Amino acid sequence: MDFALSDSQESIRDAIAKICSRFDDAYWLKKDKEGGFPQDFHKAMADAGWLGICIPEAYGGSGLGITDAAIMMRTISESGAGMSGASAVHMNVFGLNPVVVFGTSEQCERMLPPVVSGKERACFAVTEPNTGLNTTQLKTRAVRQGDKYVVNGQKVWISTAQVAEKILLLARTTPLEDVKTPTRGLSLFYTDFDRKRIAVHEIEKMGRKAVDSNELFIENFEIPVADRIGEEGRGFEYILHGMNPERILIAAEAVGLGQLALSRAAAYAKNRVVFNRPIGQNQAIQHPLAKNWMELEAAWLMVMSAGWQYDQGLPCGPAANAAKYLAAEAGFHACEQAVMTHGGFGYAKEYHVERYLREVMIPRIAPISPQLILSFIAEKVLGLPKSY
């Protein structure tokens, strides 16, 4: 059993850190104030070839594993970019996994290289206003008419829809009352984002202003049958292949953000003098920060374990969910403590830690609530009756 990063993984971490060093605190503070997608950061990652870290080499990617991607995403977040930087490339890392696994060779050759090169950006449209995490109850309908589908419905909390050229869309192709199980009858599409048929309304939110979140209103949106991924009616099954990687990656981002906040808090505690001594000399400051470090380290081990299980082709649902839960909680506690360690200055934007606290709410909430993770572990791991 070896807990050390391999030489190639250390190289990934160092290369990503070098790119991120070009985008300093002032850059992300400005993005937090003014908004606007971080195009130059996205381009820098694309130019260096990192947007396709998990895409097969045959389609322009690096063909690496989720563990390697987790190291990359932690490094981005920990650099100071936080969730703003991580979310700018997050979709590229895991989102098109269903295309890789279930798409035809023609689809992969057509769809993947533009995303890897950064020429096209994609958004992931699953969640709806009235269904939340109950994905089998989606109301958006895709009706086949010859060689195309016509789609009508709504989606919500869709990241990067303001700038995306492509959309990965889950819609119901068979009415719920006509399927044997609720998980059937949903189909997955990857197609052009037609702004004439999809109205995009941005949602103002508490953090991560640089990466937009949106509600989509879809009206008579036509999708070629050639852009359907896999078989009709099996889309829910296909997106499951992206859910565990997403949990692992957002967990890595939460750990990175927590470690960033912790490092800022520790540095401040060393230098801030009150009552003629550095506040870091006081155990009331030391102990919470020490606890934060232990929680983050434990969460990171869970992230690496989940990533290893996924890359080995093992069932990793419990580990991926546990990693997401533990990392989000540890990251939140570290960001909260960083603000408290700074005292009044923690509330000031120029010290950055208040931004970390706002952004760390994302991995706590999404892509699945902590309560549903607890219910999943209780049922699937402990064998307790299903509670929902």
Protein backbone atom coordinates (compact mmCIF):
# COMPACT_ATOMS: atom_id res chain seq x y z
CA MET A 1 0.00 0.00 0.00
CA ASP A 2 1.57 3.25 -1.21
CA PHE A 3 0.03 6.60 -0.28
CA ALA A 4 2.57 8.69 -2.18
CA LEU A 5 1.75 10.40 -5.46
CA SER A 6 3.44 8.85 -8.46
CA ASP A 7 6.02 10.83 -10.43
CA SER A 8 3.43 11.51 -13.14
CA GLN A 9 0.88 12.69 -10.57
CA GLU A 10 3.41 15.05 -9.01
CA SER A 11 4.12 16.34 -12.52
CA ILE A 12 0.40 16.98 -13.03
CA ARG A 13 0.18 18.89 -9.76
CA ASP A 14 3.26 20.98 -10.56
CA ALA A 15 2.16 21.76 -14.12
CA ILE A 16 -1.31 22.85 -13.02
CA ALA A 17 0.11 24.95 -10.20
CA LYS A 18 2.41 26.70 -12.69
CA ILE A 19 -0.53 27.63 -14.92
CA CYS A 20 -2.61 28.78 -11.96
CA SER A 21 0.21 31.00 -10.67
CA ARG A 22 -0.48 33.30 -13.64
CA PHE A 23 -3.94 34.03 -12.19
CA ASP A 24 -3.39 35.61 -8.81
CA ASP A 25 -5.67 36.74 -5.98
CA ALA A 26 -6.31 40.07 -7.69
CA TYR A 27 -7.56 38.27 -10.80
CA TRP A 28 -10.08 36.14 -8.89
CA LEU A 29 -11.14 39.02 -6.66
CA LYS A 30 -11.96 41.05 -9.78
CA LYS A 31 -13.90 38.14 -11.25
CA ASP A 32 -15.81 37.78 -7.99
CA LYS A 33 -16.76 41.47 -8.10
CA GLU A 34 -17.47 41.91 -11.79
CA GLY A 35 -18.40 38.44 -13.00
CA GLY A 36 -17.71 37.29 -16.54
CA PHE A 37 -16.49 33.84 -17.50
CA PRO A 38 -12.71 33.46 -16.96
CA GLN A 39 -11.96 33.04 -20.65
CA ASP A 40 -8.22 33.52 -20.33
CA PHE A 41 -7.95 30.95 -17.55
CA HIS A 42 -10.04 28.46 -19.55
CA LYS A 43 -7.85 29.11 -22.61
CA ALA A 44 -4.66 28.61 -20.64
CA MET A 45 -5.90 25.22 -19.44
CA ALA A 46 -6.98 24.30 -22.98
CA ASP A 47 -3.71 25.41 -24.58
CA ALA A 48 -1.78 23.26 -22.14
CA GLY A 49 -3.96 20.25 -23.01
CA TRP A 50 -5.59 19.78 -19.61
CA LEU A 51 -9.25 20.08 -20.56
CA GLY A 52 -9.19 16.55 -21.90
CA ILE A 53 -7.38 14.91 -19.00
CA CYS A 54 -9.88 12.01 -18.89
CA ILE A 55 -10.71 11.94 -22.62
CA PRO A 56 -9.06 9.08 -24.57
CA GLU A 57 -5.91 9.97 -26.49
CA ALA A 58 -7.62 8.93 -29.74
CA TYR A 59 -9.86 11.99 -29.42
CA GLY A 60 -7.19 14.47 -28.39
CA GLY A 61 -7.23 13.90 -24.64
CA SER A 62 -4.69 12.56 -22.18
CA GLY A 63 -6.48 9.32 -21.33
CA LEU A 64 -5.74 9.64 -17.62
CA GLY A 65 -7.89 8.53 -14.70
CA ILE A 66 -10.26 10.24 -12.31
CA THR A 67 -7.59 10.08 -9.59
CA ASP A 68 -5.30 12.19 -11.78
CA ALA A 69 -8.18 14.55 -12.51
CA ALA A 70 -8.91 14.88 -8.79
CA ILE A 71 -5.31 15.95 -8.20
CA MET A 72 -5.70 18.52 -10.95
CA MET A 73 -8.97 19.91 -9.60
CA ARG A 74 -7.66 20.12 -6.04
CA THR A 75 -4.62 22.02 -7.30
CA ILE A 76 -6.76 24.51 -9.21
CA SER A 77 -8.98 25.18 -6.22
CA GLU A 78 -6.08 25.35 -3.77
CA SER A 79 -4.17 27.82 -5.96
CA GLY A 80 -6.53 30.64 -4.99
CA ALA A 81 -8.95 30.08 -7.85
CA GLY A 82 -11.39 28.27 -5.57
CA MET A 83 -14.67 27.10 -7.04
CA SER A 84 -14.59 29.90 -9.63
CA GLY A 85 -11.55 28.40 -11.31
CA ALA A 86 -12.54 24.78 -10.73
CA SER A 87 -16.05 25.26 -12.13
CA ALA A 88 -14.67 26.88 -15.27
CA VAL A 89 -13.20 23.53 -16.34
CA HIS A 90 -15.20 21.08 -14.21
CA MET A 91 -17.66 20.08 -16.95
CA ASN A 92 -14.86 19.27 -19.39
CA VAL A 93 -13.33 16.74 -17.01
CA PHE A 94 -16.29 14.52 -16.20
CA GLY A 95 -19.31 15.76 -18.15
CA LEU A 96 -18.71 14.05 -21.46
CA ASN A 97 -17.91 10.68 -19.95
CA PRO A 98 -21.28 9.31 -21.20
CA VAL A 99 -20.25 10.27 -24.73
CA VAL A 100 -16.90 8.49 -24.29
CA VAL A 101 -18.53 5.35 -22.90
CA PHE A 102 -21.77 5.14 -24.91
CA GLY A 103 -21.20 7.31 -27.99
CA THR A 104 -20.38 5.84 -31.38
CA SER A 105 -16.92 6.30 -32.89
CA GLU A 106 -18.39 8.91 -35.23
CA GLN A 107 -19.91 10.82 -32.32
CA CYS A 108 -16.70 10.71 -30.28
CA GLU A 109 -14.63 11.92 -33.23
CA ARG A 110 -17.11 14.74 -33.88
CA MET A 111 -17.95 15.79 -30.32
CA LEU A 112 -14.86 15.38 -28.17
CA PRO A 113 -11.89 17.10 -29.88
CA PRO A 114 -13.52 20.58 -29.94
CA VAL A 115 -14.12 20.40 -26.18
CA VAL A 116 -10.59 19.18 -25.49
CA SER A 117 -9.10 22.02 -27.55
CA GLY A 118 -11.28 24.62 -25.86
CA LYS A 119 -13.03 25.60 -29.10
CA GLU A 120 -16.37 24.51 -27.67
CA ARG A 121 -17.75 24.64 -24.14
CA ALA A 122 -20.57 22.46 -22.88
CA CYS A 123 -23.22 22.77 -20.21
CA PHE A 124 -24.96 19.86 -18.47
CA ALA A 125 -28.76 20.18 -18.37
CA VAL A 126 -30.47 17.69 -16.05
CA THR A 127 -32.00 19.43 -13.01
CA GLU A 128 -35.50 20.92 -13.30
CA PRO A 129 -37.38 23.45 -11.13
CA ASN A 130 -40.02 21.03 -9.84
CA THR A 131 -38.09 17.76 -9.59
CA GLY A 132 -34.80 18.64 -7.89
CA LEU A 133 -32.76 15.51 -7.24
CA ASN A 134 -35.65 13.20 -8.20
CA THR A 135 -34.28 12.80 -11.72
CA THR A 136 -36.71 10.07 -12.79
CA GLN A 137 -39.56 12.60 -12.57
CA LEU A 138 -38.15 14.98 -15.20
CA LYS A 139 -40.86 16.79 -17.16
CA THR A 140 -38.85 18.04 -20.15
CA ARG A 141 -40.12 16.08 -23.18
CA ALA A 142 -38.34 15.11 -26.36
CA VAL A 143 -40.75 13.88 -29.03
CA ARG A 144 -39.34 12.14 -32.08
CA GLN A 145 -40.45 13.46 -35.45
CA GLY A 146 -38.66 11.61 -38.23
CA ASP A 147 -34.92 12.21 -38.05
CA LYS A 148 -35.15 14.73 -35.23
CA TYR A 149 -36.51 15.22 -31.71
CA VAL A 150 -38.50 18.29 -30.67
CA VAL A 151 -37.85 19.29 -27.06
CA ASN A 152 -39.93 21.44 -24.72
CA GLY A 153 -39.41 22.07 -21.00
CA GLN A 154 -37.34 23.84 -18.35
CA LYS A 155 -34.01 23.28 -16.66
CA VAL A 156 -32.47 25.07 -13.68
CA TRP A 157 -29.04 25.58 -12.09
CA ILE A 158 -27.31 25.01 -15.40
CA SER A 159 -23.72 26.24 -15.17
CA THR A 160 -21.95 28.02 -18.07
CA ALA A 161 -25.12 28.23 -20.20
CA GLN A 162 -24.32 31.89 -20.91
CA VAL A 163 -21.16 30.91 -22.79
CA ALA A 164 -21.72 27.28 -23.89
CA GLU A 165 -21.79 26.25 -27.52
CA LYS A 166 -23.02 22.73 -26.69
CA ILE A 167 -25.52 21.17 -24.31
CA LEU A 168 -25.66 17.69 -22.77
CA LEU A 169 -29.38 17.30 -22.20
CA LEU A 170 -31.47 14.67 -20.44
CA ALA A 171 -35.14 14.58 -21.47
CA ARG A 172 -38.04 12.16 -21.27
CA THR A 173 -38.78 10.46 -24.59
CA THR A 174 -41.38 8.04 -23.23
CA PRO A 175 -44.09 9.31 -20.85
CA LEU A 176 -43.63 8.19 -17.26
CA GLU A 177 -46.94 6.35 -17.27
CA ASP A 178 -45.81 4.23 -20.25
CA VAL A 179 -42.59 2.81 -18.78
CA LYS A 180 -42.15 -0.21 -16.53
CA THR A 181 -39.70 1.57 -14.23
CA PRO A 182 -39.20 5.34 -13.71
CA THR A 183 -35.54 5.10 -14.72
CA ARG A 184 -36.55 4.11 -18.25
CA GLY A 185 -37.79 6.43 -20.96
CA LEU A 186 -35.18 9.15 -20.43
CA SER A 187 -32.79 9.87 -23.30
CA LEU A 188 -29.48 11.70 -23.45
CA PHE A 189 -28.45 14.16 -26.16
CA TYR A 190 -25.31 16.14 -26.92
CA THR A 191 -26.01 18.85 -29.42
CA ASP A 192 -25.67 22.49 -30.43
CA PHE A 193 -26.99 25.08 -27.97
CA ASP A 194 -29.66 26.82 -30.06
CA ARG A 195 -30.26 30.21 -28.41
CA LYS A 196 -33.21 30.87 -30.69
CA ARG A 197 -35.04 27.99 -29.01
CA ILE A 198 -33.47 28.08 -25.53
CA ALA A 199 -33.97 31.19 -23.43
CA VAL A 200 -31.26 31.57 -20.79
CA HIS A 201 -31.93 33.52 -17.59
CA GLU A 202 -28.99 33.96 -15.25
CA ILE A 203 -29.54 33.36 -11.53
CA GLU A 204 -27.91 35.89 -9.21
CA LYS A 205 -26.21 33.96 -6.42
CA MET A 206 -24.03 34.38 -3.35
CA GLY A 207 -20.74 33.17 -4.79
CA ARG A 208 -18.82 32.02 -7.89
CA LYS A 209 -20.00 34.99 -9.92
CA ALA A 210 -17.43 34.24 -12.62
CA VAL A 211 -19.21 31.02 -13.60
CA ASP A 212 -22.85 31.64 -14.40
CA SER A 213 -25.80 29.57 -13.18
CA ASN A 214 -29.01 29.69 -15.16
CA GLU A 215 -32.59 28.68 -15.74
CA LEU A 216 -33.36 27.43 -19.25
CA PHE A 217 -36.70 27.73 -21.02
CA ILE A 218 -36.79 25.31 -23.97
CA GLU A 219 -39.38 25.73 -26.70
CA ASN A 220 -39.57 23.57 -29.85
CA PHE A 221 -35.84 22.88 -29.70
CA GLU A 222 -34.91 20.49 -32.53
CA ILE A 223 -32.18 17.89 -31.99
CA PRO A 224 -30.99 15.54 -34.75
CA VAL A 225 -31.34 11.84 -33.98
CA ALA A 226 -27.62 11.64 -34.77
CA ASP A 227 -26.99 13.64 -31.58
CA ARG A 228 -28.70 11.14 -29.29
CA ILE A 229 -26.18 9.28 -27.15
CA GLY A 230 -26.78 5.52 -27.02
CA GLU A 231 -30.22 3.96 -27.11
CA GLU A 232 -33.45 5.86 -26.69
CA GLY A 233 -34.83 5.54 -23.18
CA ARG A 234 -31.57 4.61 -21.44
CA GLY A 235 -30.27 8.10 -20.69
CA PHE A 236 -30.65 7.81 -16.92
CA GLU A 237 -28.40 4.77 -16.95
CA TYR A 238 -25.85 6.67 -19.01
CA ILE A 239 -25.61 9.72 -16.78
CA LEU A 240 -24.93 7.48 -13.79
CA HIS A 241 -21.50 6.92 -15.34
CA GLY A 242 -20.76 10.60 -14.82
CA MET A 243 -22.23 10.96 -11.33
CA ASN A 244 -19.57 9.15 -9.32
CA PRO A 245 -16.69 10.95 -11.06
CA GLU A 246 -18.43 14.27 -10.45
CA ARG A 247 -18.74 13.54 -6.74
CA ILE A 248 -15.05 12.64 -6.57
CA LEU A 249 -13.97 15.76 -8.41
CA ILE A 250 -16.09 18.20 -6.45
CA ALA A 251 -14.79 16.55 -3.28
CA ALA A 252 -11.24 17.22 -4.46
CA GLU A 253 -12.18 20.84 -5.14
CA ALA A 254 -13.64 21.19 -1.64
CA VAL A 255 -10.45 19.82 -0.09
CA GLY A 256 -8.39 22.24 -2.16
CA LEU A 257 -10.52 25.20 -1.12
CA GLY A 258 -10.39 24.12 2.51
CA GLN A 259 -6.61 23.79 2.42
CA LEU A 260 -6.36 27.21 0.80
CA ALA A 261 -8.47 28.77 3.56
CA LEU A 262 -6.48 26.93 6.23
CA SER A 263 -3.15 28.16 4.85
CA ARG A 264 -4.43 31.74 4.83
CA ALA A 265 -5.71 31.41 8.39
CA ALA A 266 -2.46 29.92 9.67
CA ALA A 267 -0.39 32.63 7.98
CA TYR A 268 -2.58 35.36 9.47
CA ALA A 269 -2.46 33.77 12.93
CA LYS A 270 1.35 33.81 12.85
CA ASN A 271 1.56 37.48 11.99
CA ARG A 272 -1.41 39.05 13.75
CA VAL A 273 -0.29 40.40 17.14
CA VAL A 274 -2.85 41.13 19.85
CA PHE A 275 -1.99 41.69 23.53
CA ASN A 276 1.70 41.67 22.56
CA ARG A 277 1.70 38.11 21.16
CA PRO A 278 0.74 36.45 17.87
CA ILE A 279 -2.80 35.13 18.07
CA GLY A 280 -1.53 31.82 16.71
CA GLN A 281 0.16 31.25 20.05
CA ASN A 282 -3.26 30.88 21.66
CA GLN A 283 -4.71 27.39 21.80
CA ALA A 284 -8.17 28.81 21.10
CA ILE A 285 -6.79 29.66 17.65
CA GLN A 286 -4.47 26.67 17.26
CA HIS A 287 -6.83 23.85 18.10
CA PRO A 288 -9.63 24.59 15.61
CA LEU A 289 -7.07 24.99 12.81
CA ALA A 290 -5.35 21.74 13.78
CA LYS A 291 -8.74 20.02 13.68
CA ASN A 292 -9.41 21.50 10.24
CA TRP A 293 -6.14 20.05 8.96
CA MET A 294 -6.97 16.57 10.25
CA GLU A 295 -10.47 16.67 8.74
CA LEU A 296 -9.14 17.78 5.36
CA GLU A 297 -6.42 15.13 5.32
CA ALA A 298 -8.93 12.40 6.17
CA ALA A 299 -11.30 13.63 3.47
CA TRP A 300 -8.47 13.66 0.91
CA LEU A 301 -7.66 10.02 1.66
CA MET A 302 -11.32 9.21 0.97
CA VAL A 303 -11.15 11.13 -2.31
CA MET A 304 -8.08 9.20 -3.40
CA SER A 305 -9.64 5.90 -2.38
CA ALA A 306 -12.81 6.66 -4.36
CA GLY A 307 -10.78 7.74 -7.39
CA TRP A 308 -8.69 4.58 -7.24
CA GLN A 309 -11.83 2.42 -7.02
CA TYR A 310 -13.35 4.15 -10.05
CA ASP A 311 -10.17 3.86 -12.10
CA GLN A 312 -9.93 0.15 -11.24
CA GLY A 313 -13.45 -0.43 -12.49
CA LEU A 314 -14.72 -1.28 -9.02
CA PRO A 315 -18.14 -0.26 -7.61
CA CYS A 316 -17.35 3.11 -6.05
CA GLY A 317 -20.75 4.60 -5.18
CA PRO A 318 -20.30 4.49 -1.38
CA ALA A 319 -16.74 5.79 -1.55
CA ALA A 320 -17.57 8.57 -4.02
CA ASN A 321 -20.51 9.75 -1.94
CA ALA A 322 -18.53 9.50 1.30
CA ALA A 323 -15.70 11.50 -0.25
CA LYS A 324 -18.10 14.23 -1.36
CA TYR A 325 -19.76 14.39 2.07
CA LEU A 326 -16.56 14.42 4.12
CA ALA A 327 -14.72 16.85 1.85
CA ALA A 328 -17.60 19.31 1.69
CA GLU A 329 -17.99 19.33 5.46
CA ALA A 330 -14.23 19.59 6.09
CA GLY A 331 -13.89 22.33 3.48
CA PHE A 332 -16.76 24.29 4.99
CA HIS A 333 -15.38 24.06 8.51
CA ALA A 334 -11.96 25.22 7.34
CA CYS A 335 -13.37 28.19 5.41
CA GLU A 336 -15.59 29.17 8.34
CA GLN A 337 -12.66 28.97 10.75
CA ALA A 338 -10.50 31.02 8.39
CA VAL A 339 -12.99 33.87 8.56
CA MET A 340 -13.21 33.60 12.34
CA THR A 341 -9.41 33.52 12.68
CA HIS A 342 -9.17 36.78 10.73
CA GLY A 343 -11.77 38.36 13.00
CA GLY A 344 -13.17 41.55 11.52
CA PHE A 345 -10.73 41.38 8.61
CA GLY A 346 -12.25 38.03 7.67
CA TYR A 347 -15.30 39.99 6.59
CA ALA A 348 -13.23 42.17 4.26
CA LYS A 349 -13.01 41.12 0.61
CA GLU A 350 -9.33 42.08 0.36
CA TYR A 351 -8.42 39.16 2.63
CA HIS A 352 -10.26 36.70 0.33
CA VAL A 353 -11.42 34.26 3.00
CA GLU A 354 -15.01 35.57 2.92
CA ARG A 355 -15.10 34.55 -0.77
CA TYR A 356 -13.90 31.07 0.12
CA LEU A 357 -16.72 30.73 2.66
CA ARG A 358 -19.31 31.77 0.08
CA GLU A 359 -17.91 29.43 -2.55
CA VAL A 360 -17.55 26.39 -0.30
CA MET A 361 -21.33 26.25 0.01
CA ILE A 362 -21.39 24.85 -3.55
CA PRO A 363 -19.86 21.44 -2.72
CA ARG A 364 -22.03 21.22 0.37
CA ILE A 365 -25.21 21.65 -1.68
CA ALA A 366 -24.35 20.17 -5.07
CA PRO A 367 -24.51 17.89 -6.93
CA ILE A 368 -26.29 16.01 -4.16
CA SER A 369 -27.36 17.07 -0.68
CA PRO A 370 -25.56 15.76 2.41
CA GLN A 371 -28.86 14.31 3.64
CA LEU A 372 -29.31 12.18 0.53
CA ILE A 373 -25.75 10.91 0.88
CA LEU A 374 -26.47 9.85 4.46
CA SER A 375 -29.64 8.10 3.28
CA PHE A 376 -27.69 6.36 0.50
CA ILE A 377 -24.99 5.10 2.87
CA ALA A 378 -27.61 3.95 5.38
CA GLU A 379 -29.46 1.95 2.72
CA LYS A 380 -26.72 0.70 0.41
CA VAL A 381 -23.92 0.13 2.92
CA LEU A 382 -25.67 -0.55 6.22
CA GLY A 383 -28.66 -2.37 4.73
CA LEU A 384 -31.26 -0.18 6.43
CA PRO A 385 -34.72 0.34 4.88
CA LYS A 386 -34.99 2.99 2.17
CA SER A 387 -36.20 6.23 3.73
CA TYR A 388 -37.26 8.24 0.70
